[in-house]
C-alpha atoms as a PDB file:
ATOM      1  CA  MET A   1      -0.194  -0.032  -0.054  1.00  0.00           C
ATOM      2  CA  SER A   2       1.264   3.408  -0.713  1.00  0.00           C
ATOM      3  CA  GLY A   3      -0.758   4.962   1.730  1.00  0.00           C
ATOM      4  CA  ALA A   4      -4.661   6.540   1.930  1.00  0.00           C
ATOM      5  CA  ARG A   5      -5.764   8.358  -1.341  1.00  0.00           C
ATOM      6  CA  PHE A   6      -8.573  10.601   0.725  1.00  0.00           C
ATOM      7  CA  LYS A   7      -6.943  12.273   3.815  1.00  0.00           C
ATOM      8  CA  PRO A   8      -8.386  13.673   6.730  1.00  0.00           C
ATOM      9  CA  LEU A   9     -10.059  16.656   6.277  1.00  0.00           C
ATOM     10  CA  ALA A  10      -9.634  19.509   8.360  1.00  0.00           C
ATOM     11  CA  GLU A  11     -13.346  20.862   9.825  1.00  0.00           C
ATOM     12  CA  SER A  12     -12.379  24.263   8.448  1.00  0.00           C
ATOM     13  CA  GLU A  13     -11.976  21.720   4.958  1.00  0.00           C
ATOM     14  CA  MET A  14     -15.808  20.361   5.713  1.00  0.00           C
ATOM     15  CA  THR A  15     -19.224  21.230   4.108  1.00  0.00           C
ATOM     16  CA  ALA A  16     -21.997  21.373   6.979  1.00  0.00           C
ATOM     17  CA  ALA A  17     -22.921  18.160   5.889  1.00  0.00           C
ATOM     18  CA  GLN A  18     -19.460  16.322   6.963  1.00  0.00           C
ATOM     19  CA  ARG A  19     -19.286  18.448   9.695  1.00  0.00           C
ATOM     20  CA  ARG A  20     -22.327  17.019  10.480  1.00  0.00           C
ATOM     21  CA  ALA A  21     -21.492  12.896   9.503  1.00  0.00           C
ATOM     22  CA  ALA A  22     -18.792  13.859  11.047  1.00  0.00           C
ATOM     23  CA  ALA A  23     -20.032  14.415  14.868  1.00  0.00           C
ATOM     24  CA  ALA A  24     -22.202  12.202  14.731  1.00  0.00           C
ATOM     25  CA  ILE A  25     -19.354   9.887  14.493  1.00  0.00           C
ATOM     26  CA  THR A  26     -17.013  11.376  17.058  1.00  0.00           C
ATOM     27  CA  GLU A  27     -20.218  11.876  19.312  1.00  0.00           C
ATOM     28  CA  GLY A  28     -21.363   8.099  19.479  1.00  0.00           C
ATOM     29  CA  PRO A  29     -19.622   5.538  20.797  1.00  0.00           C
ATOM     30  CA  ARG A  30     -16.609   4.801  18.361  1.00  0.00           C
ATOM     31  CA  LYS A  31     -15.556   9.064  19.755  1.00  0.00           C
ATOM     32  CA  ASN A  32     -13.011   9.559  16.496  1.00  0.00           C
ATOM     33  CA  LEU A  33     -13.610   9.182  12.918  1.00  0.00           C
ATOM     34  CA  ARG A  34     -10.434   6.920  11.294  1.00  0.00           C
ATOM     35  CA  GLY A  35     -10.661   3.883   8.789  1.00  0.00           C
ATOM     36  CA  PRO A  36     -12.846   3.954   6.377  1.00  0.00           C
ATOM     37  CA  PHE A  37     -14.879   6.880   6.835  1.00  0.00           C
ATOM     38  CA  ILE A  38     -12.103   9.374   6.086  1.00  0.00           C
ATOM     39  CA  PRO A  39     -13.305   8.238   2.911  1.00  0.00           C
ATOM     40  CA  LEU A  40     -16.926   7.656   3.583  1.00  0.00           C
ATOM     41  CA  LEU A  41     -17.224  11.384   4.968  1.00  0.00           C
ATOM     42  CA  ARG A  42     -17.113  12.385   0.990  1.00  0.00           C
ATOM     43  CA  SER A  43     -20.507  11.066   0.885  1.00  0.00           C
ATOM     44  CA  PRO A  44     -22.271  12.670   4.004  1.00  0.00           C
ATOM     45  CA  GLU A  45     -25.391  10.928   3.500  1.00  0.00           C
ATOM     46  CA  LEU A  46     -23.689   7.812   3.576  1.00  0.00           C
ATOM     47  CA  ALA A  47     -21.047   8.172   5.893  1.00  0.00           C
ATOM     48  CA  ASP A  48     -24.405   8.796   8.155  1.00  0.00           C
ATOM     49  CA  ARG A  49     -26.015   6.136   6.844  1.00  0.00           C
ATOM     50  CA  VAL A  50     -23.481   3.437   7.033  1.00  0.00           C
ATOM     51  CA  GLN A  51     -21.708   4.080  10.912  1.00  0.00           C
ATOM     52  CA  LYS A  52     -25.822   3.722  11.483  1.00  0.00           C
ATOM     53  CA  LEU A  53     -25.290   0.813  10.077  1.00  0.00           C
ATOM     54  CA  GLY A  54     -22.207  -0.187  11.340  1.00  0.00           C
ATOM     55  CA  LEU A  55     -22.957   0.177  15.085  1.00  0.00           C
ATOM     56  CA  TYR A  56     -25.792  -1.841  14.997  1.00  0.00           C
ATOM     57  CA  PHE A  57     -23.200  -4.316  14.024  1.00  0.00           C
ATOM     58  CA  ARG A  58     -20.297  -2.993  16.667  1.00  0.00           C
ATOM     59  CA  PHE A  59     -22.428  -2.610  19.377  1.00  0.00           C
ATOM     60  CA  GLU A  60     -25.929  -3.583  19.243  1.00  0.00           C
ATOM     61  CA  THR A  61     -26.208  -7.186  17.254  1.00  0.00           C
ATOM     62  CA  LYS A  62     -28.230 -10.439  18.164  1.00  0.00           C
ATOM     63  CA  LEU A  63     -24.746 -12.177  17.693  1.00  0.00           C
ATOM     64  CA  PRO A  64     -22.642 -12.989  20.245  1.00  0.00           C
ATOM     65  CA  LYS A  65     -19.507 -11.413  20.336  1.00  0.00           C
ATOM     66  CA  ASN A  66     -16.896 -14.432  19.726  1.00  0.00           C
ATOM     67  CA  LEU A  67     -19.210 -15.393  16.601  1.00  0.00           C
ATOM     68  CA  LYS A  68     -19.691 -11.687  15.143  1.00  0.00           C
ATOM     69  CA  GLU A  69     -15.286 -10.600  15.225  1.00  0.00           C
ATOM     70  CA  LEU A  70     -15.316 -14.341  13.650  1.00  0.00           C
ATOM     71  CA  VAL A  71     -17.679 -13.893  11.376  1.00  0.00           C
ATOM     72  CA  ILE A  72     -15.784  -9.855  10.215  1.00  0.00           C
ATOM     73  CA  LEU A  73     -12.249 -12.132   9.883  1.00  0.00           C
ATOM     74  CA  VAL A  74     -12.549 -14.020   7.456  1.00  0.00           C
ATOM     75  CA  THR A  75     -14.656 -10.953   5.864  1.00  0.00           C
ATOM     76  CA  ALA A  76     -11.786  -9.795   6.193  1.00  0.00           C
ATOM     77  CA  ARG A  77      -9.924 -11.705   5.624  1.00  0.00           C
ATOM     78  CA  HIS A  78     -11.573 -12.678   1.927  1.00  0.00           C
ATOM     79  CA  TRP A  79     -11.206  -9.299   0.418  1.00  0.00           C
ATOM     80  CA  GLY A  80      -7.434  -8.799   2.352  1.00  0.00           C
ATOM     81  CA  ALA A  81      -8.745  -6.330   3.562  1.00  0.00           C
ATOM     82  CA  GLN A  82      -6.053  -4.531   6.181  1.00  0.00           C
ATOM     83  CA  PHE A  83      -7.159  -2.297   8.891  1.00  0.00           C
ATOM     84  CA  GLU A  84     -10.285  -4.134   9.078  1.00  0.00           C
ATOM     85  CA  TRP A  85      -8.020  -6.783  10.165  1.00  0.00           C
ATOM     86  CA  TYR A  86      -5.489  -4.879  12.069  1.00  0.00           C
ATOM     87  CA  ALA A  87      -9.029  -3.486  13.942  1.00  0.00           C
ATOM     88  CA  HIS A  88     -10.625  -6.338  14.788  1.00  0.00           C
ATOM     89  CA  ARG A  89      -7.671  -9.027  15.417  1.00  0.00           C
ATOM     90  CA  LYS A  90      -7.344  -6.797  18.525  1.00  0.00           C
ATOM     91  CA  PHE A  91     -10.969  -7.403  19.315  1.00  0.00           C
ATOM     92  CA  ALA A  92     -12.075 -11.118  18.304  1.00  0.00           C
ATOM     93  CA  LEU A  93      -9.415 -10.966  21.060  1.00  0.00           C
ATOM     94  CA  ASP A  94     -10.718  -9.874  23.629  1.00  0.00           C
ATOM     95  CA  ALA A  95     -14.569 -11.160  22.121  1.00  0.00           C
ATOM     96  CA  GLY A  96     -11.989 -14.688  23.411  1.00  0.00           C
ATOM     97  CA  LEU A  97     -10.978 -16.390  19.852  1.00  0.00           C
ATOM     98  CA  ALA A  98      -8.346 -17.725  19.995  1.00  0.00           C
ATOM     99  CA  PRO A  99      -5.267 -16.438  18.802  1.00  0.00           C
ATOM    100  CA  ALA A 100      -4.424 -19.570  17.144  1.00  0.00           C
ATOM    101  CA  THR A 101      -7.694 -19.857  14.909  1.00  0.00           C
ATOM    102  CA  CYS A 102      -7.079 -15.715  14.445  1.00  0.00           C
ATOM    103  CA  ASP A 103      -4.023 -17.062  12.627  1.00  0.00           C
ATOM    104  CA  ALA A 104      -5.499 -19.371  10.839  1.00  0.00           C
ATOM    105  CA  ILE A 105      -7.952 -17.287   9.305  1.00  0.00           C
ATOM    106  CA  ALA A 106      -5.207 -14.926   8.816  1.00  0.00           C
ATOM    107  CA  ARG A 107      -3.391 -18.238   6.493  1.00  0.00           C
ATOM    108  CA  GLY A 108      -6.378 -18.386   4.318  1.00  0.00           C
ATOM    109  CA  GLU A 109      -7.253 -21.859   6.005  1.00  0.00           C
ATOM    110  CA  ARG A 110      -9.245 -22.686   8.866  1.00  0.00           C
ATOM    111  CA  PRO A 111      -9.020 -23.338  12.104  1.00  0.00           C
ATOM    112  CA  LYS A 112      -8.744 -26.895  13.396  1.00  0.00           C
ATOM    113  CA  ALA A 113      -9.506 -26.166  17.738  1.00  0.00           C
ATOM    114  CA  MET A 114     -13.115 -24.477  16.740  1.00  0.00           C
ATOM    115  CA  SER A 115     -16.612 -24.458  18.802  1.00  0.00           C
ATOM    116  CA  GLU A 116     -19.616 -26.053  17.673  1.00  0.00           C
ATOM    117  CA  ASP A 117     -21.090 -22.045  16.540  1.00  0.00           C
ATOM    118  CA  GLU A 118     -17.583 -21.036  15.393  1.00  0.00           C
ATOM    119  CA  ALA A 119     -17.297 -23.685  13.468  1.00  0.00           C
ATOM    120  CA  LEU A 120     -20.376 -22.590  11.567  1.00  0.00           C
ATOM    121  CA  VAL A 121     -19.969 -19.740  11.516  1.00  0.00           C
ATOM    122  CA  PHE A 122     -17.096 -20.303  10.133  1.00  0.00           C
ATOM    123  CA  ASP A 123     -17.874 -22.215   7.684  1.00  0.00           C
ATOM    124  CA  TYR A 124     -21.152 -19.810   6.439  1.00  0.00           C
ATOM    125  CA  ALA A 125     -19.162 -17.213   6.111  1.00  0.00           C
ATOM    126  CA  SER A 126     -16.889 -18.936   3.789  1.00  0.00           C
ATOM    127  CA  ALA A 127     -19.295 -20.023   1.742  1.00  0.00           C
ATOM    128  CA  LEU A 128     -21.269 -17.525   1.130  1.00  0.00           C
ATOM    129  CA  LEU A 129     -18.115 -15.341   0.540  1.00  0.00           C
ATOM    130  CA  LYS A 130     -16.161 -17.916  -1.651  1.00  0.00           C
ATOM    131  CA  THR A 131     -19.514 -19.120  -4.106  1.00  0.00           C
ATOM    132  CA  LYS A 132     -21.746 -16.657  -2.982  1.00  0.00           C
ATOM    133  CA  GLY A 133     -24.212 -18.511  -1.189  1.00  0.00           C
ATOM    134  CA  VAL A 134     -24.826 -21.408   1.627  1.00  0.00           C
ATOM    135  CA  ASN A 135     -26.616 -23.913   1.347  1.00  0.00           C
ATOM    136  CA  ASP A 136     -29.314 -25.666   2.269  1.00  0.00           C
ATOM    137  CA  ASP A 137     -27.682 -27.626   4.897  1.00  0.00           C
ATOM    138  CA  LEU A 138     -25.659 -24.855   6.118  1.00  0.00           C
ATOM    139  CA  PHE A 139     -28.880 -22.264   5.734  1.00  0.00           C
ATOM    140  CA  ALA A 140     -30.921 -25.424   7.743  1.00  0.00           C
ATOM    141  CA  ARG A 141     -28.349 -25.909  11.009  1.00  0.00           C
ATOM    142  CA  ALA A 142     -27.190 -21.945  10.865  1.00  0.00           C
ATOM    143  CA  LEU A 143     -31.450 -21.691  11.784  1.00  0.00           C
ATOM    144  CA  ARG A 144     -31.490 -23.681  13.732  1.00  0.00           C
ATOM    145  CA  ARG A 145     -28.502 -22.876  16.132  1.00  0.00           C
ATOM    146  CA  LEU A 146     -28.907 -18.731  15.771  1.00  0.00           C
ATOM    147  CA  GLY A 147     -32.190 -18.334  14.883  1.00  0.00           C
ATOM    148  CA  GLU A 148     -34.258 -16.125  11.625  1.00  0.00           C
ATOM    149  CA  GLU A 149     -32.851 -12.852  13.670  1.00  0.00           C
ATOM    150  CA  GLY A 150     -28.814 -14.503  14.313  1.00  0.00           C
ATOM    151  CA  VAL A 151     -29.412 -15.209  10.266  1.00  0.00           C
ATOM    152  CA  ILE A 152     -30.254 -12.439   9.024  1.00  0.00           C
ATOM    153  CA  ASP A 153     -27.446 -10.132  11.257  1.00  0.00           C
ATOM    154  CA  LEU A 154     -24.960 -12.872  10.210  1.00  0.00           C
ATOM    155  CA  THR A 155     -26.081 -12.637   6.228  1.00  0.00           C
ATOM    156  CA  VAL A 156     -25.576  -8.801   6.032  1.00  0.00           C
ATOM    157  CA  CYS A 157     -23.038  -8.427   8.854  1.00  0.00           C
ATOM    158  CA  ILE A 158     -21.384 -10.537   6.275  1.00  0.00           C
ATOM    159  CA  GLY A 159     -22.197  -7.594   3.584  1.00  0.00           C
ATOM    160  CA  TYR A 160     -21.528  -4.948   5.841  1.00  0.00           C
ATOM    161  CA  TYR A 161     -18.015  -5.650   6.603  1.00  0.00           C
ATOM    162  CA  GLY A 162     -16.669  -7.067   2.709  1.00  0.00           C
ATOM    163  CA  MET A 163     -18.419  -2.727   1.512  1.00  0.00           C
ATOM    164  CA  ILE A 164     -16.414  -2.180   4.913  1.00  0.00           C
ATOM    165  CA  GLY A 165     -13.623  -3.774   3.290  1.00  0.00           C
ATOM    166  CA  LEU A 166     -13.784  -2.578   0.244  1.00  0.00           C
ATOM    167  CA  THR A 167     -14.075   1.023   1.192  1.00  0.00           C
ATOM    168  CA  LEU A 168     -10.910   0.444   2.945  1.00  0.00           C
ATOM    169  CA  ASN A 169      -8.820  -1.499   0.297  1.00  0.00           C
ATOM    170  CA  THR A 170     -10.198   1.358  -2.143  1.00  0.00           C
ATOM    171  CA  ASP A 171      -8.830   3.843  -0.093  1.00  0.00           C
ATOM    172  CA  ARG A 172      -5.795   2.120   0.640  1.00  0.00           C
ATOM    173  CA  THR A 173      -5.542   2.962   3.747  1.00  0.00           C
ATOM    174  CA  PRO A 174      -2.555   2.579   5.699  1.00  0.00           C
ATOM    175  CA  LEU A 175      -1.962   0.538   9.316  1.00  0.00           C
ATOM    176  CA  PRO A 176      -0.838   2.384  11.523  1.00  0.00           C
ATOM    177  CA  GLU A 177       3.373   1.843  12.366  1.00  0.00           C
ATOM    178  CA  GLY A 178       4.813  -0.710  12.606  1.00  0.00           C
ATOM    179  CA  GLU A 179       1.871  -3.529  12.416  1.00  0.00           C
ATOM    180  CA  THR A 180       2.082  -6.744  10.087  1.00  0.00           C
ATOM    181  CA  PRO A 181       0.222  -6.687   7.364  1.00  0.00           C
ATOM    182  CA  LEU A 182      -1.167  -9.625   6.176  1.00  0.00           C
ATOM    183  CA  GLN A 183       0.375 -11.776   3.518  1.00  0.00           C
ATOM    184  CA  PRO A 184      -1.269 -12.314  -0.071  1.00  0.00           C
ATOM    185  CA  LEU A 185      -3.295 -15.691  -0.016  1.00  0.00           C
ATOM    186  CA  LYS A 186      -1.692 -18.243  -2.338  1.00  0.00           C
ATOM    187  CA  ASP A 187      -3.763 -19.793  -4.538  1.00  0.00           C
END
C-alpha cells in the first residue's frame, strides 16, 4: 500500500453536511473519525447511514461477540482488508477467540480448534463469500443454532464488513506504524 488516497479533512475543509456526519461519528461510541469514515465522509449522507448500520453491528447485534468478530475476520481476510483485519483482530481476541483461530484465518486456513458455533459461523461466512450463497444443509444448521434473526444478522454482517473492507482497500488505508500486514493468499 502506498498510503491513503483520501486524506483526513480538517473541520475547516468540511461542508456543513460533512461536519454533521463527522459529529455523529465522533460523538457516538466510536469517539473518533478513522478507518473507512475518512473516505466515506466524501459522501456525508452515505457516511451517516453506513455509520448507523455499523453501530448496530459493532454494539447492538444479537450475535455473540466472539462469533461477530470471527465473521468480521473471515470477511476481512477474504477481501484482504488490512486495516479491518488489524482493528478487528484485537476485538476478536478480547471477545475470546483463540489466537490460533485468528492466525489460521490469516493464513487462509480453516481453524482446527473451534467451538461448534464458531465452526458453523466460519463455514457459513466462508461459503457465502466463496460461492455467493449457502447450501440448504448449512442454512438449516445456522437457522437451528442462531434463529432467523441471527441468520439475517450473520448474513448482513458479512455484507456490511465486505463493504467496509472494499472502502478501506480503495482508500489504501494504511496500518499504524509497526503493524504487520496480512500476507497475500496463495491461489
